[in-house]
C-alpha atoms as a PDB file:
ATOM      1  CA  MET A   1       0.021  -0.099   0.027  1.00  0.00           C
ATOM      2  CA  ASN A   2       2.937   2.363   0.829  1.00  0.00           C
ATOM      3  CA  HIS A   3       4.398   1.696  -2.684  1.00  0.00           C
ATOM      4  CA  LEU A   4       1.055   2.405  -4.312  1.00  0.00           C
ATOM      5  CA  SER A   5       0.595   5.606  -2.366  1.00  0.00           C
ATOM      6  CA  LEU A   6       4.094   6.860  -3.402  1.00  0.00           C
ATOM      7  CA  ILE A   7       3.491   6.068  -6.990  1.00  0.00           C
ATOM      8  CA  MET A   8      -0.103   7.602  -7.084  1.00  0.00           C
ATOM      9  CA  GLY A   9       1.158  10.711  -5.067  1.00  0.00           C
ATOM     10  CA  ASN A  10       3.819  11.335  -7.678  1.00  0.00           C
ATOM     11  CA  ILE A  11       1.226  11.411 -10.532  1.00  0.00           C
ATOM     12  CA  ALA A  12      -0.262  14.819 -10.896  1.00  0.00           C
ATOM     13  CA  PRO A  13      -4.038  15.066 -12.044  1.00  0.00           C
ATOM     14  CA  ASN A  14      -2.759  17.062 -15.074  1.00  0.00           C
ATOM     15  CA  SER A  15      -0.536  14.277 -16.266  1.00  0.00           C
ATOM     16  CA  ALA A  16      -3.406  11.786 -15.912  1.00  0.00           C
ATOM     17  CA  TRP A  17      -5.657  14.083 -17.717  1.00  0.00           C
ATOM     18  CA  PHE A  18      -3.088  14.385 -20.578  1.00  0.00           C
ATOM     19  CA  LEU A  19      -3.096  10.564 -20.672  1.00  0.00           C
ATOM     20  CA  MET A  20      -6.976  10.494 -20.859  1.00  0.00           C
ATOM     21  CA  ILE A  21      -6.930  12.831 -23.742  1.00  0.00           C
ATOM     22  CA  ILE A  22      -4.298  10.616 -25.620  1.00  0.00           C
ATOM     23  CA  ILE A  23      -6.394   7.495 -24.913  1.00  0.00           C
ATOM     24  CA  ALA A  24      -9.685   9.325 -26.111  1.00  0.00           C
ATOM     25  CA  LEU A  25      -7.998   9.992 -29.400  1.00  0.00           C
ATOM     26  CA  VAL A  26      -6.774   6.401 -29.713  1.00  0.00           C
ATOM     27  CA  SER A  27     -10.271   5.241 -28.867  1.00  0.00           C
ATOM     28  CA  PHE A  28     -11.800   7.608 -31.527  1.00  0.00           C
ATOM     29  CA  VAL A  29      -9.449   6.230 -34.244  1.00  0.00           C
ATOM     30  CA  VAL A  30     -10.160   2.533 -33.210  1.00  0.00           C
ATOM     31  CA  GLN A  31     -13.798   3.110 -33.206  1.00  0.00           C
ATOM     32  CA  TRP A  32     -13.829   4.782 -36.430  1.00  0.00           C
ATOM     33  CA  ARG A  33     -11.650   2.011 -37.945  1.00  0.00           C
ATOM     34  CA  PHE A  34     -14.105  -0.645 -36.647  1.00  0.00           C
ATOM     35  CA  ARG A  35     -17.134   1.081 -38.146  1.00  0.00           C
ATOM     36  CA  SER A  36     -15.227   1.441 -41.302  1.00  0.00           C
ATOM     37  CA  LYS A  37     -14.355  -2.285 -41.510  1.00  0.00           C
ATOM     38  CA  PHE A  38     -17.874  -3.269 -40.461  1.00  0.00           C
ATOM     39  CA  LYS A  39     -19.394  -1.084 -43.250  1.00  0.00           C
ATOM     40  CA  GLN A  40     -16.835  -2.416 -45.797  1.00  0.00           C
ATOM     41  CA  TYR A  41     -17.514  -6.094 -45.044  1.00  0.00           C
ATOM     42  CA  SER A  42     -21.178  -5.468 -44.685  1.00  0.00           C
ATOM     43  CA  GLU A  43     -21.285  -4.651 -48.517  1.00  0.00           C
ATOM     44  CA  ILE A  44     -19.426  -7.915 -49.421  1.00  0.00           C
ATOM     45  CA  GLY A  45     -21.904 -10.809 -49.921  1.00  0.00           C
ATOM     46  CA  LEU A  46     -21.251 -14.223 -48.385  1.00  0.00           C
ATOM     47  CA  LEU A  47     -20.687 -16.763 -51.160  1.00  0.00           C
ATOM     48  CA  SER A  48     -22.873 -19.245 -49.325  1.00  0.00           C
ATOM     49  CA  GLY A  49     -25.719 -16.762 -49.289  1.00  0.00           C
ATOM     50  CA  LEU A  50     -26.547 -17.566 -45.589  1.00  0.00           C
ATOM     51  CA  SER A  51     -28.004 -14.624 -43.525  1.00  0.00           C
ATOM     52  CA  GLY A  52     -26.588 -13.726 -40.045  1.00  0.00           C
ATOM     53  CA  GLN A  53     -29.556 -15.424 -38.531  1.00  0.00           C
ATOM     54  CA  GLU A  54     -29.010 -18.680 -40.486  1.00  0.00           C
ATOM     55  CA  VAL A  55     -25.189 -18.631 -39.614  1.00  0.00           C
ATOM     56  CA  ALA A  56     -26.130 -18.311 -35.902  1.00  0.00           C
ATOM     57  CA  VAL A  57     -28.643 -21.085 -35.936  1.00  0.00           C
ATOM     58  CA  LYS A  58     -26.060 -23.385 -37.781  1.00  0.00           C
ATOM     59  CA  MET A  59     -23.283 -22.569 -35.198  1.00  0.00           C
ATOM     60  CA  LEU A  60     -25.709 -23.302 -32.191  1.00  0.00           C
ATOM     61  CA  ARG A  61     -26.880 -26.561 -33.708  1.00  0.00           C
ATOM     62  CA  ALA A  62     -23.262 -27.539 -34.593  1.00  0.00           C
ATOM     63  CA  HIS A  63     -22.466 -27.386 -30.867  1.00  0.00           C
ATOM     64  CA  GLY A  64     -25.494 -29.276 -29.723  1.00  0.00           C
ATOM     65  CA  ILE A  65     -27.277 -26.136 -28.333  1.00  0.00           C
ATOM     66  CA  PHE A  66     -30.905 -26.351 -29.088  1.00  0.00           C
ATOM     67  CA  ASP A  67     -32.192 -24.219 -26.130  1.00  0.00           C
ATOM     68  CA  VAL A  68     -31.041 -20.759 -27.353  1.00  0.00           C
ATOM     69  CA  GLN A  69     -33.047 -18.571 -29.531  1.00  0.00           C
ATOM     70  CA  VAL A  70     -31.782 -16.226 -32.293  1.00  0.00           C
ATOM     71  CA  ILE A  71     -33.828 -13.190 -32.176  1.00  0.00           C
ATOM     72  CA  CYS A  72     -33.555  -9.712 -34.095  1.00  0.00           C
ATOM     73  CA  VAL A  73     -33.248  -6.528 -31.972  1.00  0.00           C
ATOM     74  CA  ASP A  74     -33.399  -2.800 -32.966  1.00  0.00           C
ATOM     75  CA  GLY A  75     -30.364  -0.525 -33.275  1.00  0.00           C
ATOM     76  CA  GLN A  76     -26.882  -0.713 -35.055  1.00  0.00           C
ATOM     77  CA  LEU A  77     -24.264  -2.882 -33.400  1.00  0.00           C
ATOM     78  CA  THR A  78     -26.575  -3.795 -30.539  1.00  0.00           C
ATOM     79  CA  ASP A  79     -25.611  -7.577 -31.050  1.00  0.00           C
ATOM     80  CA  HIS A  80     -25.048  -9.494 -27.828  1.00  0.00           C
ATOM     81  CA  TYR A  81     -25.707 -12.852 -26.195  1.00  0.00           C
ATOM     82  CA  ASN A  82     -27.969 -12.809 -23.083  1.00  0.00           C
ATOM     83  CA  PRO A  83     -27.277 -15.805 -20.737  1.00  0.00           C
ATOM     84  CA  GLU A  84     -30.283 -15.008 -18.459  1.00  0.00           C
ATOM     85  CA  THR A  85     -32.701 -15.378 -21.319  1.00  0.00           C
ATOM     86  CA  LYS A  86     -30.574 -17.571 -23.429  1.00  0.00           C
ATOM     87  CA  THR A  87     -31.051 -15.565 -26.647  1.00  0.00           C
ATOM     88  CA  VAL A  88     -28.498 -14.456 -29.232  1.00  0.00           C
ATOM     89  CA  ASN A  89     -29.772 -11.071 -30.097  1.00  0.00           C
ATOM     90  CA  LEU A  90     -28.736  -9.754 -33.514  1.00  0.00           C
ATOM     91  CA  SER A  91     -29.311  -6.286 -34.901  1.00  0.00           C
ATOM     92  CA  THR A  92     -31.397  -5.900 -37.938  1.00  0.00           C
ATOM     93  CA  ASP A  93     -28.364  -5.213 -40.165  1.00  0.00           C
ATOM     94  CA  VAL A  94     -26.805  -8.510 -38.995  1.00  0.00           C
ATOM     95  CA  PHE A  95     -29.903 -10.733 -38.589  1.00  0.00           C
ATOM     96  CA  TYR A  96     -31.051 -10.236 -42.226  1.00  0.00           C
ATOM     97  CA  SER A  97     -27.896  -9.432 -43.922  1.00  0.00           C
ATOM     98  CA  ARG A  98     -26.122 -12.035 -45.933  1.00  0.00           C
ATOM     99  CA  SER A  99     -22.537 -10.437 -45.714  1.00  0.00           C
ATOM    100  CA  ILE A 100     -19.197 -11.270 -44.477  1.00  0.00           C
ATOM    101  CA  ALA A 101     -19.658  -8.919 -41.415  1.00  0.00           C
ATOM    102  CA  ALA A 102     -22.993 -10.329 -40.500  1.00  0.00           C
ATOM    103  CA  ALA A 103     -21.569 -13.945 -40.432  1.00  0.00           C
ATOM    104  CA  ALA A 104     -18.637 -12.876 -38.281  1.00  0.00           C
ATOM    105  CA  VAL A 105     -20.884 -11.037 -35.757  1.00  0.00           C
ATOM    106  CA  ALA A 106     -23.364 -13.750 -35.657  1.00  0.00           C
ATOM    107  CA  ALA A 107     -20.680 -16.412 -35.084  1.00  0.00           C
ATOM    108  CA  HIS A 108     -19.054 -14.237 -32.388  1.00  0.00           C
ATOM    109  CA  GLU A 109     -22.290 -13.908 -30.319  1.00  0.00           C
ATOM    110  CA  CYS A 110     -22.762 -17.569 -30.615  1.00  0.00           C
ATOM    111  CA  GLY A 111     -19.431 -17.931 -29.483  1.00  0.00           C
ATOM    112  CA  HIS A 112     -20.693 -16.523 -26.127  1.00  0.00           C
ATOM    113  CA  ALA A 113     -23.546 -19.045 -26.130  1.00  0.00           C
ATOM    114  CA  VAL A 114     -21.126 -21.840 -26.596  1.00  0.00           C
ATOM    115  CA  GLN A 115     -18.997 -20.454 -23.744  1.00  0.00           C
ATOM    116  CA  HIS A 116     -22.205 -20.504 -21.572  1.00  0.00           C
ATOM    117  CA  ALA A 117     -23.132 -23.982 -22.495  1.00  0.00           C
ATOM    118  CA  GLN A 118     -19.666 -25.166 -21.486  1.00  0.00           C
ATOM    119  CA  ALA A 119     -19.361 -23.171 -18.324  1.00  0.00           C
ATOM    120  CA  TYR A 120     -16.354 -21.140 -19.671  1.00  0.00           C
ATOM    121  CA  SER A 121     -14.698 -19.972 -16.457  1.00  0.00           C
ATOM    122  CA  TRP A 122     -14.188 -16.313 -17.530  1.00  0.00           C
ATOM    123  CA  LEU A 123     -17.746 -15.902 -18.660  1.00  0.00           C
ATOM    124  CA  SER A 124     -18.934 -17.414 -15.312  1.00  0.00           C
ATOM    125  CA  PHE A 125     -16.639 -15.068 -13.292  1.00  0.00           C
ATOM    126  CA  ARG A 126     -17.801 -12.154 -15.365  1.00  0.00           C
ATOM    127  CA  SER A 127     -21.497 -13.007 -14.972  1.00  0.00           C
ATOM    128  CA  ALA A 128     -21.039 -13.324 -11.230  1.00  0.00           C
ATOM    129  CA  LEU A 129     -19.518  -9.877 -11.087  1.00  0.00           C
ATOM    130  CA  VAL A 130     -22.601  -8.221 -12.778  1.00  0.00           C
ATOM    131  CA  PRO A 131     -24.605  -7.548  -9.631  1.00  0.00           C
ATOM    132  CA  ALA A 132     -21.815  -5.745  -7.927  1.00  0.00           C
ATOM    133  CA  ILE A 133     -20.952  -3.916 -11.118  1.00  0.00           C
ATOM    134  CA  ASN A 134     -24.475  -2.598 -11.591  1.00  0.00           C
ATOM    135  CA  VAL A 135     -24.282  -1.007  -8.181  1.00  0.00           C
ATOM    136  CA  ALA A 136     -20.686   0.323  -8.843  1.00  0.00           C
ATOM    137  CA  SER A 137     -21.722   1.775 -12.208  1.00  0.00           C
ATOM    138  CA  THR A 138     -24.723   3.588 -10.538  1.00  0.00           C
ATOM    139  CA  ILE A 139     -22.715   5.322  -7.907  1.00  0.00           C
ATOM    140  CA  THR A 140     -19.505   5.980  -9.678  1.00  0.00           C
ATOM    141  CA  GLN A 141     -20.360   9.206 -11.438  1.00  0.00           C
ATOM    142  CA  TRP A 142     -21.906  11.254  -8.500  1.00  0.00           C
ATOM    143  CA  THR A 143     -19.517  10.019  -5.904  1.00  0.00           C
ATOM    144  CA  LEU A 144     -16.510  10.880  -7.915  1.00  0.00           C
ATOM    145  CA  PHE A 145     -18.094  14.504  -8.710  1.00  0.00           C
ATOM    146  CA  ILE A 146     -19.120  15.085  -5.118  1.00  0.00           C
ATOM    147  CA  GLY A 147     -15.961  13.634  -3.840  1.00  0.00           C
ATOM    148  CA  VAL A 148     -13.708  15.843  -5.760  1.00  0.00           C
ATOM    149  CA  MET A 149     -15.697  18.860  -4.501  1.00  0.00           C
ATOM    150  CA  LEU A 150     -15.674  17.884  -0.992  1.00  0.00           C
ATOM    151  CA  LEU A 151     -11.887  17.089  -1.141  1.00  0.00           C
ATOM    152  CA  ALA A 152     -11.249  20.593  -2.772  1.00  0.00           C
ATOM    153  CA  PHE A 153     -13.350  22.546  -0.261  1.00  0.00           C
ATOM    154  CA  SER A 154     -13.374  20.473   3.024  1.00  0.00           C
ATOM    155  CA  GLY A 155     -10.382  18.187   2.572  1.00  0.00           C
ATOM    156  CA  SER A 156     -12.682  15.281   3.129  1.00  0.00           C
ATOM    157  CA  PRO A 157     -11.533  12.194   1.076  1.00  0.00           C
ATOM    158  CA  TYR A 158     -14.122   9.567   2.097  1.00  0.00           C
ATOM    159  CA  VAL A 159     -16.786  10.214  -0.616  1.00  0.00           C
ATOM    160  CA  LEU A 160     -14.054  10.342  -3.397  1.00  0.00           C
ATOM    161  CA  ALA A 161     -12.539   7.151  -1.953  1.00  0.00           C
ATOM    162  CA  ILE A 162     -15.873   5.471  -2.381  1.00  0.00           C
ATOM    163  CA  GLY A 163     -16.060   6.639  -5.821  1.00  0.00           C
ATOM    164  CA  VAL A 164     -12.572   5.407  -6.638  1.00  0.00           C
ATOM    165  CA  VAL A 165     -13.302   2.022  -5.236  1.00  0.00           C
ATOM    166  CA  ALA A 166     -16.455   1.731  -7.366  1.00  0.00           C
ATOM    167  CA  LEU A 167     -14.527   2.931 -10.418  1.00  0.00           C
ATOM    168  CA  ALA A 168     -11.787   0.208  -9.696  1.00  0.00           C
ATOM    169  CA  LEU A 169     -14.480  -2.414  -9.697  1.00  0.00           C
ATOM    170  CA  VAL A 170     -15.833  -1.175 -13.088  1.00  0.00           C
ATOM    171  CA  THR A 171     -12.415  -1.087 -14.500  1.00  0.00           C
ATOM    172  CA  PHE A 172     -11.540  -4.478 -13.255  1.00  0.00           C
ATOM    173  CA  PHE A 173     -14.799  -5.588 -15.080  1.00  0.00           C
ATOM    174  CA  SER A 174     -13.519  -4.155 -18.345  1.00  0.00           C
ATOM    175  CA  PHE A 175     -10.383  -6.241 -18.090  1.00  0.00           C
ATOM    176  CA  VAL A 176     -12.267  -9.393 -17.268  1.00  0.00           C
ATOM    177  CA  THR A 177     -14.352  -8.909 -20.257  1.00  0.00           C
ATOM    178  CA  LEU A 178     -11.282  -9.006 -22.431  1.00  0.00           C
ATOM    179  CA  PRO A 179     -10.603 -12.772 -22.373  1.00  0.00           C
ATOM    180  CA  VAL A 180     -14.501 -13.482 -22.689  1.00  0.00           C
ATOM    181  CA  GLU A 181     -14.583 -11.365 -26.067  1.00  0.00           C
ATOM    182  CA  PHE A 182     -11.321 -12.763 -27.504  1.00  0.00           C
ATOM    183  CA  ASP A 183     -12.393 -16.260 -26.659  1.00  0.00           C
ATOM    184  CA  ALA A 184     -15.784 -15.781 -28.327  1.00  0.00           C
ATOM    185  CA  SER A 185     -13.970 -14.607 -31.431  1.00  0.00           C
ATOM    186  CA  ARG A 186     -11.521 -17.450 -31.375  1.00  0.00           C
ATOM    187  CA  ARG A 187     -14.459 -19.990 -31.210  1.00  0.00           C
ATOM    188  CA  ALA A 188     -16.270 -18.166 -33.995  1.00  0.00           C
ATOM    189  CA  LEU A 189     -13.421 -18.156 -36.386  1.00  0.00           C
ATOM    190  CA  ALA A 190     -12.430 -21.696 -35.645  1.00  0.00           C
ATOM    191  CA  TRP A 191     -16.055 -22.823 -36.527  1.00  0.00           C
ATOM    192  CA  LEU A 192     -16.182 -20.639 -39.644  1.00  0.00           C
ATOM    193  CA  ASP A 193     -12.869 -22.122 -40.820  1.00  0.00           C
ATOM    194  CA  ASN A 194     -14.002 -25.589 -40.632  1.00  0.00           C
ATOM    195  CA  ASN A 195     -17.509 -25.020 -42.166  1.00  0.00           C
ATOM    196  CA  TYR A 196     -17.273 -24.646 -45.983  1.00  0.00           C
ATOM    197  CA  ALA A 197     -21.158 -24.473 -46.191  1.00  0.00           C
ATOM    198  CA  VAL A 198     -20.713 -21.038 -44.282  1.00  0.00           C
ATOM    199  CA  VAL A 199     -17.370 -19.596 -45.224  1.00  0.00           C
ATOM    200  CA  GLN A 200     -16.153 -20.972 -48.543  1.00  0.00           C
ATOM    201  CA  THR A 201     -12.722 -19.169 -49.187  1.00  0.00           C
ATOM    202  CA  GLY A 202      -9.755 -18.195 -47.285  1.00  0.00           C
ATOM    203  CA  GLN A 203     -10.381 -14.651 -48.207  1.00  0.00           C
ATOM    204  CA  GLU A 204     -13.817 -14.608 -46.621  1.00  0.00           C
ATOM    205  CA  HIS A 205     -12.313 -16.064 -43.500  1.00  0.00           C
ATOM    206  CA  GLU A 206      -9.518 -13.464 -43.495  1.00  0.00           C
ATOM    207  CA  MET A 207     -12.230 -10.643 -43.793  1.00  0.00           C
ATOM    208  CA  ALA A 208     -14.110 -12.115 -40.963  1.00  0.00           C
ATOM    209  CA  LYS A 209     -11.081 -12.328 -38.819  1.00  0.00           C
ATOM    210  CA  ASP A 210     -10.214  -8.755 -39.641  1.00  0.00           C
ATOM    211  CA  ALA A 211     -13.697  -7.504 -38.606  1.00  0.00           C
ATOM    212  CA  LEU A 212     -13.672  -9.486 -35.294  1.00  0.00           C
ATOM    213  CA  TRP A 213     -10.063  -8.209 -34.601  1.00  0.00           C
ATOM    214  CA  TRP A 214     -11.098  -4.555 -34.820  1.00  0.00           C
ATOM    215  CA  ALA A 215     -14.160  -5.363 -32.853  1.00  0.00           C
ATOM    216  CA  ALA A 216     -12.044  -6.648 -30.037  1.00  0.00           C
ATOM    217  CA  MET A 217      -9.684  -3.604 -30.089  1.00  0.00           C
ATOM    218  CA  THR A 218     -12.720  -1.424 -29.095  1.00  0.00           C
ATOM    219  CA  TYR A 219     -12.887  -3.538 -25.884  1.00  0.00           C
ATOM    220  CA  VAL A 220      -9.028  -3.283 -25.334  1.00  0.00           C
ATOM    221  CA  VAL A 221      -9.261   0.615 -25.705  1.00  0.00           C
ATOM    222  CA  ALA A 222     -12.431   0.695 -23.394  1.00  0.00           C
ATOM    223  CA  ALA A 223     -10.490  -1.105 -20.685  1.00  0.00           C
ATOM    224  CA  ILE A 224      -7.436   1.107 -21.096  1.00  0.00           C
ATOM    225  CA  SER A 225      -9.453   4.176 -21.047  1.00  0.00           C
ATOM    226  CA  ALA A 226     -11.111   2.908 -17.774  1.00  0.00           C
ATOM    227  CA  LEU A 227      -7.941   2.483 -16.279  1.00  0.00           C
ATOM    228  CA  ALA A 228      -6.736   5.898 -17.245  1.00  0.00           C
ATOM    229  CA  THR A 229      -9.848   7.454 -15.627  1.00  0.00           C
ATOM    230  CA  LEU A 230      -9.194   5.403 -12.518  1.00  0.00           C
ATOM    231  CA  VAL A 231      -5.585   6.736 -12.447  1.00  0.00           C
ATOM    232  CA  TYR A 232      -6.896  10.323 -12.827  1.00  0.00           C
ATOM    233  CA  TYR A 233      -9.390  10.298  -9.973  1.00  0.00           C
ATOM    234  CA  ALA A 234      -7.020   8.297  -7.795  1.00  0.00           C
ATOM    235  CA  SER A 235      -4.339  10.881  -8.284  1.00  0.00           C
ATOM    236  CA  PHE A 236      -6.746  13.424  -6.817  1.00  0.00           C
ATOM    237  CA  LEU A 237      -7.369  11.165  -3.747  1.00  0.00           C
ATOM    238  CA  PHE A 238      -3.646  10.336  -3.050  1.00  0.00           C
ATOM    239  CA  ASN A 239      -2.526  13.903  -3.766  1.00  0.00           C
ATOM    240  CA  GLY A 240      -5.093  15.249  -1.538  1.00  0.00           C
ATOM    241  CA  ARG A 241      -4.399  12.892   1.284  1.00  0.00           C
ATOM    242  CA  ARG A 242      -0.640  13.862   0.821  1.00  0.00           C
ATOM    243  CA  ASN A 243      -1.330  17.558   0.896  1.00  0.00           C
END
């Protein structure tokens, strides 16, 4: 703890703020690149002619999963797997599309369903954290804001400390999410590579891999951004205590 206090005490809030700006710029570039790739591969038809919904059903059945529904949801890039309702939720652009991007996204979300069915440890751990994270996410914003104000005007660090702990939990959750997302993409690509009826050429596979790689990078940047934000507010706390 003494070493952590020393490190954080030597990080000025201005330095942490500068780091946050850099990461925000990187995040913007990654998000732009991902959306650009998704748009590009959304315009390239899958040679097999399968829709995202059909790809999802095929992958679920191939893994012996018959109790998961594939449904269409509103919005763009709103695709996700819900373990509570056992549904693979595909956005309209993915559900009906017969493109490379649709196949990649559908297979990725089914990768989460396979994780759930096989009790993948990181997914189970992540799911167990959700209740605590929901509480932490709810209190983070106002405890950080009020905490900084109280620290500045009264010198009281307690509310800010609560906010920093809550933010630390949210940040930890962001990093726990990474192996879950990378593994889902790995499962998706392995299945697509072994199913000629879905992906028929090496070029199609490489495009699907590229789309999923950029999607994964958005999670990486989000985790790093959360860490930078944590360092920023923690620097206020430790510098305030030191002063």
